[in-house]
Amino acid sequence: MSDITIKLTDRNGVLHEIVVPTDMSMNLMEAIRSYELAEEGTIGVCGGMAMCASCQVYVLESNDALEAMGDEEDAMLGEAYHVKENSRLGCQIFLTPELDGLEVALAPYP
């Protein structure tokens, strides 16, 4: 089992260091939900299908291990609110050992 640490700033500006396993095929949105770092019903509304942008995060520090954005994610962010140059959907960031130390902030919920 391999755990990684993610630094996440919640929607209230509070920094959390969360430890998540990489052997469970989890994505960032699922980790945020499991730690209850966003109000119920304000993250992962579509269940992680890249169809709602409720799990939008801002990647605060570039990480070469972060996979490139796919077409579905890009299209959803094209319709979302509060999008920035460093926006990604948490449901499309799959947690791997290479992402240890990733720093993100939750985007405001509409």
C-alpha atoms as a PDB file:
ATOM      1  CA  MET A   1       0.000   0.000   0.000  1.00  0.00           C
ATOM      2  CA  SER A   2       1.320   3.423  -0.953  1.00  0.00           C
ATOM      3  CA  ASP A   3      -0.073   6.612   0.552  1.00  0.00           C
ATOM      4  CA  ILE A   4       0.493  10.134  -0.704  1.00  0.00           C
ATOM      5  CA  THR A   5      -0.088  13.534   0.850  1.00  0.00           C
ATOM      6  CA  ILE A   6      -2.182  16.162  -0.914  1.00  0.00           C
ATOM      7  CA  LYS A   7      -2.290  19.784   0.245  1.00  0.00           C
ATOM      8  CA  LEU A   8      -5.799  21.094  -0.260  1.00  0.00           C
ATOM      9  CA  THR A   9      -7.232  24.510   0.547  1.00  0.00           C
ATOM     10  CA  ASP A  10     -10.971  24.249   1.122  1.00  0.00           C
ATOM     11  CA  ARG A  11     -13.606  26.806   0.130  1.00  0.00           C
ATOM     12  CA  ASN A  12     -13.168  28.615   3.444  1.00  0.00           C
ATOM     13  CA  GLY A  13      -9.442  29.131   2.855  1.00  0.00           C
ATOM     14  CA  VAL A  14      -8.344  26.468   5.343  1.00  0.00           C
ATOM     15  CA  LEU A  15      -5.335  24.366   4.324  1.00  0.00           C
ATOM     16  CA  HIS A  16      -5.596  20.607   4.892  1.00  0.00           C
ATOM     17  CA  GLU A  17      -2.909  17.990   4.390  1.00  0.00           C
ATOM     18  CA  ILE A  18      -4.729  14.789   3.561  1.00  0.00           C
ATOM     19  CA  VAL A  19      -3.195  11.339   3.261  1.00  0.00           C
ATOM     20  CA  VAL A  20      -4.758   9.154   0.607  1.00  0.00           C
ATOM     21  CA  PRO A  21      -4.020   5.662  -0.682  1.00  0.00           C
ATOM     22  CA  THR A  22      -2.919   5.165  -4.274  1.00  0.00           C
ATOM     23  CA  ASP A  23      -3.873   1.492  -4.468  1.00  0.00           C
ATOM     24  CA  MET A  24      -7.658   2.036  -4.536  1.00  0.00           C
ATOM     25  CA  SER A  25      -8.033   3.780  -7.928  1.00  0.00           C
ATOM     26  CA  MET A  26      -9.384   6.900  -6.219  1.00  0.00           C
ATOM     27  CA  ASN A  27      -9.622  10.293  -7.799  1.00  0.00           C
ATOM     28  CA  LEU A  28      -9.166  13.619  -6.045  1.00  0.00           C
ATOM     29  CA  MET A  29     -12.908  14.304  -5.843  1.00  0.00           C
ATOM     30  CA  GLU A  30     -13.450  11.023  -3.978  1.00  0.00           C
ATOM     31  CA  ALA A  31     -10.643  11.858  -1.542  1.00  0.00           C
ATOM     32  CA  ILE A  32     -12.162  15.282  -0.844  1.00  0.00           C
ATOM     33  CA  ARG A  33     -15.534  13.672  -0.209  1.00  0.00           C
ATOM     34  CA  SER A  34     -14.081  11.005   2.071  1.00  0.00           C
ATOM     35  CA  TYR A  35     -12.442  13.706   4.219  1.00  0.00           C
ATOM     36  CA  GLU A  36     -15.678  15.768   4.120  1.00  0.00           C
ATOM     37  CA  LEU A  37     -13.816  18.917   3.043  1.00  0.00           C
ATOM     38  CA  ALA A  38     -16.783  20.344   1.139  1.00  0.00           C
ATOM     39  CA  GLU A  39     -20.405  20.668   2.181  1.00  0.00           C
ATOM     40  CA  GLU A  40     -22.590  17.700   1.307  1.00  0.00           C
ATOM     41  CA  GLY A  41     -24.150  18.150  -2.122  1.00  0.00           C
ATOM     42  CA  THR A  42     -21.535  20.651  -3.330  1.00  0.00           C
ATOM     43  CA  ILE A  43     -18.906  18.280  -4.706  1.00  0.00           C
ATOM     44  CA  GLY A  44     -19.188  15.319  -7.028  1.00  0.00           C
ATOM     45  CA  VAL A  45     -22.783  16.105  -7.876  1.00  0.00           C
ATOM     46  CA  CYS A  46     -22.583  14.082 -11.125  1.00  0.00           C
ATOM     47  CA  GLY A  47     -20.805  11.192  -9.416  1.00  0.00           C
ATOM     48  CA  GLY A  48     -17.468  11.852 -11.056  1.00  0.00           C
ATOM     49  CA  MET A  49     -18.525  11.742 -14.704  1.00  0.00           C
ATOM     50  CA  ALA A  50     -16.998  15.146 -15.670  1.00  0.00           C
ATOM     51  CA  MET A  51     -20.491  16.522 -16.220  1.00  0.00           C
ATOM     52  CA  CYS A  52     -20.980  19.182 -13.521  1.00  0.00           C
ATOM     53  CA  ALA A  53     -17.681  20.851 -12.476  1.00  0.00           C
ATOM     54  CA  SER A  54     -18.701  20.812  -8.795  1.00  0.00           C
ATOM     55  CA  CYS A  55     -15.289  19.260  -8.048  1.00  0.00           C
ATOM     56  CA  GLN A  56     -13.316  21.958  -9.836  1.00  0.00           C
ATOM     57  CA  VAL A  57      -9.943  22.662  -8.258  1.00  0.00           C
ATOM     58  CA  TYR A  58      -7.107  25.037  -8.977  1.00  0.00           C
ATOM     59  CA  VAL A  59      -3.733  23.318  -9.267  1.00  0.00           C
ATOM     60  CA  LEU A  60      -1.476  25.611  -7.256  1.00  0.00           C
ATOM     61  CA  GLU A  61       1.864  24.109  -8.164  1.00  0.00           C
ATOM     62  CA  SER A  62       2.581  22.483 -11.498  1.00  0.00           C
ATOM     63  CA  ASN A  63       3.234  18.770 -11.353  1.00  0.00           C
ATOM     64  CA  ASP A  64       4.664  17.016 -14.405  1.00  0.00           C
ATOM     65  CA  ALA A  65       3.028  13.766 -13.273  1.00  0.00           C
ATOM     66  CA  LEU A  66      -0.457  15.264 -13.674  1.00  0.00           C
ATOM     67  CA  GLU A  67      -2.063  13.720 -16.731  1.00  0.00           C
ATOM     68  CA  ALA A  68      -3.103  16.033 -19.532  1.00  0.00           C
ATOM     69  CA  MET A  69      -6.690  17.226 -19.596  1.00  0.00           C
ATOM     70  CA  GLY A  70      -9.017  15.091 -21.710  1.00  0.00           C
ATOM     71  CA  ASP A  71     -11.644  16.370 -24.148  1.00  0.00           C
ATOM     72  CA  GLU A  72     -14.601  15.794 -21.777  1.00  0.00           C
ATOM     73  CA  GLU A  73     -12.903  17.661 -18.942  1.00  0.00           C
ATOM     74  CA  ASP A  74     -11.926  20.517 -21.238  1.00  0.00           C
ATOM     75  CA  ALA A  75     -15.491  20.786 -22.562  1.00  0.00           C
ATOM     76  CA  MET A  76     -16.988  20.817 -19.053  1.00  0.00           C
ATOM     77  CA  LEU A  77     -14.586  23.503 -17.865  1.00  0.00           C
ATOM     78  CA  GLY A  78     -15.556  25.521 -20.939  1.00  0.00           C
ATOM     79  CA  GLU A  79     -19.069  25.767 -19.477  1.00  0.00           C
ATOM     80  CA  ALA A  80     -18.190  26.101 -15.785  1.00  0.00           C
ATOM     81  CA  TYR A  81     -18.049  29.127 -13.482  1.00  0.00           C
ATOM     82  CA  HIS A  82     -14.895  30.451 -11.786  1.00  0.00           C
ATOM     83  CA  VAL A  83     -12.576  28.784 -14.326  1.00  0.00           C
ATOM     84  CA  LYS A  84      -8.920  29.816 -14.299  1.00  0.00           C
ATOM     85  CA  GLU A  85      -5.884  28.843 -16.332  1.00  0.00           C
ATOM     86  CA  ASN A  86      -4.999  26.220 -13.701  1.00  0.00           C
ATOM     87  CA  SER A  87      -8.500  24.726 -13.338  1.00  0.00           C
ATOM     88  CA  ARG A  88      -9.002  20.972 -13.364  1.00  0.00           C
ATOM     89  CA  LEU A  89     -11.822  18.644 -12.386  1.00  0.00           C
ATOM     90  CA  GLY A  90     -10.985  16.664  -9.270  1.00  0.00           C
ATOM     91  CA  CYS A  91     -12.834  13.634 -10.638  1.00  0.00           C
ATOM     92  CA  GLN A  92     -10.355  13.496 -13.511  1.00  0.00           C
ATOM     93  CA  ILE A  93      -7.230  13.590 -11.323  1.00  0.00           C
ATOM     94  CA  PHE A  94      -6.470   9.988 -10.446  1.00  0.00           C
ATOM     95  CA  LEU A  95      -4.285   9.596  -7.391  1.00  0.00           C
ATOM     96  CA  THR A  96      -0.959   7.947  -8.183  1.00  0.00           C
ATOM     97  CA  PRO A  97       2.311   7.817  -6.216  1.00  0.00           C
ATOM     98  CA  GLU A  98       3.763  10.460  -8.559  1.00  0.00           C
ATOM     99  CA  LEU A  99       1.218  13.029  -7.316  1.00  0.00           C
ATOM    100  CA  ASP A 100       2.617  13.039  -3.779  1.00  0.00           C
ATOM    101  CA  GLY A 101       2.720  16.657  -2.578  1.00  0.00           C
ATOM    102  CA  LEU A 102       0.143  17.939  -5.085  1.00  0.00           C
ATOM    103  CA  GLU A 103      -1.225  21.327  -4.009  1.00  0.00           C
ATOM    104  CA  VAL A 104      -4.754  22.348  -4.972  1.00  0.00           C
ATOM    105  CA  ALA A 105      -7.545  24.670  -3.870  1.00  0.00           C
ATOM    106  CA  LEU A 106     -11.249  23.985  -4.240  1.00  0.00           C
ATOM    107  CA  ALA A 107     -12.938  26.410  -6.607  1.00  0.00           C
ATOM    108  CA  PRO A 108     -16.010  28.268  -5.301  1.00  0.00           C
ATOM    109  CA  TYR A 109     -19.278  26.397  -5.736  1.00  0.00           C
ATOM    110  CA  PRO A 110     -21.572  28.319  -8.067  1.00  0.00           C
END
